[in-house]
Amino acid sequence: MDQLIDIPEYRVDEGLRFAWDEGFEIEIRVRSTEVIIKANRAGLTSLARHLLTLAQQGVHAGSHVHLTADQEIESDVDLILERADDDYFSAN
């Protein structure tokens, strides 16, 4: 099965643009040693789009989307998806 996801094109002059699927629901729970992300289909597709948006060519390290508890997501904590430099993990 193919799933097509339309990703807003990154433009330096406009910055990052994020789009949500209608009816998205996302829940984040943090336990002592794990983080659980639970979402409906629209929520999972929206998260995938956000990650693909951050992965685009030209997006700078440190660029991020901040999902706020009890606004975009059902949670007691915020979720931040952040772009790292390509060599970040090999250096640490």
Protein backbone atom coordinates (compact mmCIF):
# COMPACT_ATOMS: atom_id res chain seq x y z
CA MET A 1 0.00 0.00 0.00
CA ASP A 2 1.33 3.42 -0.92
CA GLN A 3 0.58 6.42 1.29
CA LEU A 4 1.11 9.84 -0.26
CA ILE A 5 1.87 12.64 2.19
CA ASP A 6 1.94 16.22 0.93
CA ILE A 7 4.83 18.04 2.62
CA PRO A 8 4.91 21.85 2.71
CA GLU A 9 8.04 22.90 0.82
CA TYR A 10 10.72 24.54 2.95
CA ARG A 11 11.57 28.07 1.84
CA VAL A 12 14.26 30.09 3.59
CA ASP A 13 12.21 33.31 3.34
CA GLU A 14 9.06 31.68 4.80
CA GLY A 15 10.59 29.27 7.29
CA LEU A 16 9.04 25.98 8.31
CA ARG A 17 5.36 25.38 7.66
CA PHE A 18 3.53 22.54 9.36
CA ALA A 19 0.19 21.07 8.32
CA TRP A 20 -2.22 18.92 10.29
CA ASP A 21 -4.67 16.31 9.01
CA GLU A 22 -8.25 17.02 10.01
CA GLY A 23 -9.35 15.16 13.12
CA PHE A 24 -5.82 14.41 14.40
CA GLU A 25 -5.49 13.09 17.93
CA ILE A 26 -2.15 12.49 19.62
CA GLU A 27 -1.45 11.38 23.17
CA ILE A 28 1.98 11.29 24.83
CA ARG A 29 2.65 9.40 28.05
CA VAL A 30 5.97 9.32 29.85
CA ARG A 31 6.77 6.43 32.15
CA SER A 32 9.97 5.89 34.07
CA THR A 33 11.86 4.29 31.17
CA GLU A 34 9.65 4.83 28.13
CA VAL A 35 7.73 7.37 26.10
CA ILE A 36 4.48 6.24 24.48
CA ILE A 37 3.11 8.11 21.46
CA LYS A 38 -0.46 7.04 20.76
CA ALA A 39 -2.33 8.55 17.81
CA ASN A 40 -5.14 7.95 15.39
CA ARG A 41 -4.43 7.70 11.64
CA ALA A 42 -4.66 11.48 11.13
CA GLY A 43 -2.33 12.05 14.09
CA LEU A 44 0.27 9.57 12.84
CA THR A 45 0.17 11.05 9.34
CA SER A 46 0.55 14.56 10.78
CA LEU A 47 3.57 13.51 12.87
CA ALA A 48 5.12 11.84 9.82
CA ARG A 49 4.60 15.05 7.82
CA HIS A 50 6.23 17.12 10.60
CA LEU A 51 9.27 14.82 10.64
CA LEU A 52 9.55 14.88 6.84
CA THR A 53 9.25 18.66 6.90
CA LEU A 54 12.22 18.85 9.29
CA ALA A 55 14.18 16.38 7.13
CA GLN A 56 14.02 18.55 3.99
CA GLN A 57 17.17 19.82 2.31
CA GLY A 58 18.13 23.27 3.61
CA VAL A 59 16.46 23.01 7.02
CA HIS A 60 19.02 24.06 9.61
CA ALA A 61 20.02 22.15 12.76
CA GLY A 62 18.04 23.38 15.72
CA SER A 63 14.88 23.90 13.67
CA HIS A 64 11.99 22.29 15.51
CA VAL A 65 8.27 21.90 16.00
CA HIS A 66 7.04 22.32 19.56
CA LEU A 67 3.85 20.40 20.35
CA THR A 68 2.32 21.83 23.49
CA ALA A 69 0.68 19.68 26.17
CA ASP A 70 -3.13 19.91 26.17
CA GLN A 71 -3.12 21.98 22.98
CA GLU A 72 -1.79 20.01 20.00
CA ILE A 73 -1.31 16.84 22.07
CA GLU A 74 -2.98 15.19 25.03
CA SER A 75 -0.18 15.00 27.57
CA ASP A 76 1.33 16.32 30.78
CA VAL A 77 4.54 17.16 28.88
CA ASP A 78 5.41 18.99 25.66
CA LEU A 79 6.92 17.12 22.71
CA ILE A 80 9.69 18.79 20.71
CA LEU A 81 10.84 17.35 17.37
CA GLU A 82 14.22 18.90 16.51
CA ARG A 83 16.56 18.69 13.53
CA ALA A 84 20.18 17.79 14.33
CA ASP A 85 23.32 18.25 12.22
CA ASP A 86 24.09 15.21 10.06
CA ASP A 87 27.25 14.55 12.08
CA TYR A 88 25.70 15.20 15.52
CA PHE A 89 25.35 11.56 16.54
CA SER A 90 28.76 10.46 15.31
CA ALA A 91 30.39 13.25 17.35
CA ASN A 92 28.67 12.22 20.60
